Amino acid sequence: MIIASANFAPIPEVLLIITIANTLGIVMLIFIAKYFSQDNHTERF
């Protein structure tokens, strides 16, 4: 984020798009991890 803000200082929209994309990516990974963690449960006898 620091490198992106230094390189795109004249265009603040680019930093906003990068921040939104990072946030959406993290949220998507959390939901994917929750979905696959439910699939991993084993039955005990």
PDB file of N, CA and C in Angstrom:
ATOM      1  N   MET A   1       0.818  -1.196   0.000  1.00  0.00           N
ATOM      2  CA  MET A   1       0.000   0.000   0.000  1.00  0.00           C
ATOM      3  C   MET A   1       0.863   1.262   0.000  1.00  0.00           C
ATOM      4  N   ILE A   2       1.989   1.220   0.687  1.00  0.00           N
ATOM      5  CA  ILE A   2       2.863   2.395   0.720  1.00  0.00           C
ATOM      6  C   ILE A   2       3.467   2.642  -0.652  1.00  0.00           C
ATOM      7  N   ILE A   3       3.879   1.576  -1.320  1.00  0.00           N
ATOM      8  CA  ILE A   3       4.461   1.712  -2.661  1.00  0.00           C
ATOM      9  C   ILE A   3       3.407   2.213  -3.638  1.00  0.00           C
ATOM     10  N   ALA A   4       2.186   1.669  -3.522  1.00  0.00           N
ATOM     11  CA  ALA A   4       1.114   2.106  -4.420  1.00  0.00           C
ATOM     12  C   ALA A   4       0.784   3.574  -4.209  1.00  0.00           C
ATOM     13  N   SER A   5       0.751   4.030  -2.974  1.00  0.00           N
ATOM     14  CA  SER A   5       0.419   5.433  -2.722  1.00  0.00           C
ATOM     15  C   SER A   5       1.539   6.359  -3.180  1.00  0.00           C
ATOM     16  N   ALA A   6       2.771   5.886  -3.147  1.00  0.00           N
ATOM     17  CA  ALA A   6       3.884   6.717  -3.607  1.00  0.00           C
ATOM     18  C   ALA A   6       3.889   6.828  -5.127  1.00  0.00           C
ATOM     19  N   ASN A   7       3.544   5.716  -5.810  1.00  0.00           N
ATOM     20  CA  ASN A   7       3.591   5.726  -7.271  1.00  0.00           C
ATOM     21  C   ASN A   7       2.390   6.425  -7.897  1.00  0.00           C
ATOM     22  N   PHE A   8       1.231   6.394  -7.239  1.00  0.00           N
ATOM     23  CA  PHE A   8       0.025   6.951  -7.821  1.00  0.00           C
ATOM     24  C   PHE A   8      -0.480   8.157  -7.032  1.00  0.00           C
ATOM     25  N   ALA A   9       0.417   8.950  -6.513  1.00  0.00           N
ATOM     26  CA  ALA A   9       0.013  10.112  -5.713  1.00  0.00           C
ATOM     27  C   ALA A   9      -0.848  11.104  -6.490  1.00  0.00           C
ATOM     28  N   PRO A  10      -0.591  11.379  -7.784  1.00  0.00           N
ATOM     29  CA  PRO A  10      -1.443  12.338  -8.490  1.00  0.00           C
ATOM     30  C   PRO A  10      -2.848  11.804  -8.783  1.00  0.00           C
ATOM     31  N   ILE A  11      -3.016  10.473  -8.754  1.00  0.00           N
ATOM     32  CA  ILE A  11      -4.312   9.878  -9.104  1.00  0.00           C
ATOM     33  C   ILE A  11      -4.830   9.114  -7.879  1.00  0.00           C
ATOM     34  N   PRO A  12      -5.623   9.736  -7.013  1.00  0.00           N
ATOM     35  CA  PRO A  12      -6.078   9.048  -5.790  1.00  0.00           C
ATOM     36  C   PRO A  12      -7.084   7.935  -6.068  1.00  0.00           C
ATOM     37  N   GLU A  13      -7.746   7.954  -7.236  1.00  0.00           N
ATOM     38  CA  GLU A  13      -8.712   6.902  -7.554  1.00  0.00           C
ATOM     39  C   GLU A  13      -8.054   5.537  -7.653  1.00  0.00           C
ATOM     40  N   VAL A  14      -6.806   5.503  -8.113  1.00  0.00           N
ATOM     41  CA  VAL A  14      -6.097   4.238  -8.261  1.00  0.00           C
ATOM     42  C   VAL A  14      -5.872   3.602  -6.893  1.00  0.00           C
ATOM     43  N   LEU A  15      -5.505   4.401  -5.910  1.00  0.00           N
ATOM     44  CA  LEU A  15      -5.304   3.882  -4.553  1.00  0.00           C
ATOM     45  C   LEU A  15      -6.616   3.362  -3.975  1.00  0.00           C
ATOM     46  N   LEU A  16      -7.722   4.043  -4.264  1.00  0.00           N
ATOM     47  CA  LEU A  16      -9.028   3.595  -3.792  1.00  0.00           C
ATOM     48  C   LEU A  16      -9.398   2.250  -4.421  1.00  0.00           C
ATOM     49  N   ILE A  17      -9.145   2.100  -5.720  1.00  0.00           N
ATOM     50  CA  ILE A  17      -9.455   0.845  -6.408  1.00  0.00           C
ATOM     51  C   ILE A  17      -8.590  -0.289  -5.854  1.00  0.00           C
ATOM     52  N   ILE A  18      -7.322  -0.025  -5.600  1.00  0.00           N
ATOM     53  CA  ILE A  18      -6.427  -1.048  -5.042  1.00  0.00           C
ATOM     54  C   ILE A  18      -6.905  -1.461  -3.652  1.00  0.00           C
ATOM     55  N   THR A  19      -7.305  -0.503  -2.820  1.00  0.00           N
ATOM     56  CA  THR A  19      -7.786  -0.806  -1.475  1.00  0.00           C
ATOM     57  C   THR A  19      -9.068  -1.632  -1.514  1.00  0.00           C
ATOM     58  N   ILE A  20     -10.004  -1.252  -2.381  1.00  0.00           N
ATOM     59  CA  ILE A  20     -11.258  -2.005  -2.501  1.00  0.00           C
ATOM     60  C   ILE A  20     -10.990  -3.414  -3.010  1.00  0.00           C
ATOM     61  N   ALA A  21     -10.107  -3.565  -3.986  1.00  0.00           N
ATOM     62  CA  ALA A  21      -9.792  -4.889  -4.525  1.00  0.00           C
ATOM     63  C   ALA A  21      -9.143  -5.769  -3.461  1.00  0.00           C
ATOM     64  N   ASN A  22      -8.245  -5.211  -2.664  1.00  0.00           N
ATOM     65  CA  ASN A  22      -7.613  -5.986  -1.591  1.00  0.00           C
ATOM     66  C   ASN A  22      -8.640  -6.420  -0.549  1.00  0.00           C
ATOM     67  N   THR A  23      -9.532  -5.521  -0.177  1.00  0.00           N
ATOM     68  CA  THR A  23     -10.551  -5.854   0.822  1.00  0.00           C
ATOM     69  C   THR A  23     -11.488  -6.944   0.312  1.00  0.00           C
ATOM     70  N   LEU A  24     -11.945  -6.816  -0.933  1.00  0.00           N
ATOM     71  CA  LEU A  24     -12.833  -7.828  -1.504  1.00  0.00           C
ATOM     72  C   LEU A  24     -12.122  -9.175  -1.629  1.00  0.00           C
ATOM     73  N   GLY A  25     -10.839  -9.151  -1.967  1.00  0.00           N
ATOM     74  CA  GLY A  25     -10.075 -10.388  -2.059  1.00  0.00           C
ATOM     75  C   GLY A  25      -9.952 -11.093  -0.722  1.00  0.00           C
ATOM     76  N   ILE A  26      -9.711 -10.338   0.339  1.00  0.00           N
ATOM     77  CA  ILE A  26      -9.589 -10.933   1.673  1.00  0.00           C
ATOM     78  C   ILE A  26     -10.931 -11.508   2.124  1.00  0.00           C
ATOM     79  N   VAL A  27     -12.035 -10.766   1.884  1.00  0.00           N
ATOM     80  CA  VAL A  27     -13.359 -11.263   2.260  1.00  0.00           C
ATOM     81  C   VAL A  27     -13.695 -12.525   1.486  1.00  0.00           C
ATOM     82  N   MET A  28     -13.374 -12.559   0.196  1.00  0.00           N
ATOM     83  CA  MET A  28     -13.646 -13.734  -0.621  1.00  0.00           C
ATOM     84  C   MET A  28     -12.845 -14.939  -0.131  1.00  0.00           C
ATOM     85  N   LEU A  29     -11.590 -14.729   0.239  1.00  0.00           N
ATOM     86  CA  LEU A  29     -10.776 -15.833   0.754  1.00  0.00           C
ATOM     87  C   LEU A  29     -11.302 -16.353   2.084  1.00  0.00           C
ATOM     88  N   ILE A  30     -11.816 -15.466   2.939  1.00  0.00           N
ATOM     89  CA  ILE A  30     -12.377 -15.903   4.222  1.00  0.00           C
ATOM     90  C   ILE A  30     -13.600 -16.791   3.990  1.00  0.00           C
ATOM     91  N   PHE A  31     -14.491 -16.387   3.074  1.00  0.00           N
ATOM     92  CA  PHE A  31     -15.679 -17.194   2.807  1.00  0.00           C
ATOM     93  C   PHE A  31     -15.320 -18.530   2.156  1.00  0.00           C
ATOM     94  N   ILE A  32     -14.323 -18.535   1.271  1.00  0.00           N
ATOM     95  CA  ILE A  32     -13.880 -19.795   0.660  1.00  0.00           C
ATOM     96  C   ILE A  32     -13.295 -20.714   1.728  1.00  0.00           C
ATOM     97  N   ALA A  33     -12.521 -20.163   2.646  1.00  0.00           N
ATOM     98  CA  ALA A  33     -11.927 -20.980   3.714  1.00  0.00           C
ATOM     99  C   ALA A  33     -13.010 -21.548   4.629  1.00  0.00           C
ATOM    100  N   LYS A  34     -14.031 -20.753   4.943  1.00  0.00           N
ATOM    101  CA  LYS A  34     -15.125 -21.262   5.780  1.00  0.00           C
ATOM    102  C   LYS A  34     -15.884 -22.371   5.068  1.00  0.00           C
ATOM    103  N   TYR A  35     -16.095 -22.225   3.767  1.00  0.00           N
ATOM    104  CA  TYR A  35     -16.809 -23.249   3.008  1.00  0.00           C
ATOM    105  C   TYR A  35     -16.041 -24.562   2.998  1.00  0.00           C
ATOM    106  N   PHE A  36     -14.737 -24.489   2.761  1.00  0.00           N
ATOM    107  CA  PHE A  36     -13.948 -25.714   2.701  1.00  0.00           C
ATOM    108  C   PHE A  36     -13.674 -26.304   4.080  1.00  0.00           C
ATOM    109  N   SER A  37     -13.722 -25.492   5.131  1.00  0.00           N
ATOM    110  CA  SER A  37     -13.505 -26.040   6.469  1.00  0.00           C
ATOM    111  C   SER A  37     -14.708 -26.872   6.907  1.00  0.00           C
ATOM    112  N   GLN A  38     -15.907 -26.562   6.439  1.00  0.00           N
ATOM    113  CA  GLN A  38     -17.081 -27.369   6.758  1.00  0.00           C
ATOM    114  C   GLN A  38     -17.012 -28.715   6.052  1.00  0.00           C
ATOM    115  N   ASP A  39     -16.354 -28.778   4.920  1.00  0.00           N
ATOM    116  CA  ASP A  39     -16.270 -30.007   4.139  1.00  0.00           C
ATOM    117  C   ASP A  39     -15.256 -30.975   4.734  1.00  0.00           C
ATOM    118  N   ASN A  40     -14.433 -30.513   5.655  1.00  0.00           N
ATOM    119  CA  ASN A  40     -13.321 -31.319   6.171  1.00  0.00           C
ATOM    120  C   ASN A  40     -13.661 -32.115   7.413  1.00  0.00           C
ATOM    121  N   HIS A  41     -14.827 -31.947   7.983  1.00  0.00           N
ATOM    122  CA  HIS A  41     -15.176 -32.625   9.234  1.00  0.00           C
ATOM    123  C   HIS A  41     -15.321 -34.120   9.016  1.00  0.00           C
ATOM    124  N   THR A  42     -14.812 -34.887   9.947  1.00  0.00           N
ATOM    125  CA  THR A  42     -14.937 -36.350   9.887  1.00  0.00           C
ATOM    126  C   THR A  42     -15.907 -36.827  10.957  1.00  0.00           C
ATOM    127  N   GLU A  43     -16.554 -37.944  10.705  1.00  0.00           N
ATOM    128  CA  GLU A  43     -17.481 -38.490  11.668  1.00  0.00           C
ATOM    129  C   GLU A  43     -16.745 -39.370  12.670  1.00  0.00           C
ATOM    130  N   ARG A  44     -17.121 -39.242  13.944  1.00  0.00           N
ATOM    131  CA  ARG A  44     -16.490 -40.071  14.972  1.00  0.00           C
ATOM    132  C   ARG A  44     -17.410 -41.223  15.324  1.00  0.00           C
ATOM    133  N   PHE A  45     -16.829 -42.341  15.619  1.00  0.00           N
ATOM    134  CA  PHE A  45     -17.614 -43.542  15.928  1.00  0.00           C
ATOM    135  C   PHE A  45     -17.927 -43.650  17.390  1.00  0.00           C
TER     136      PHE A  45
END
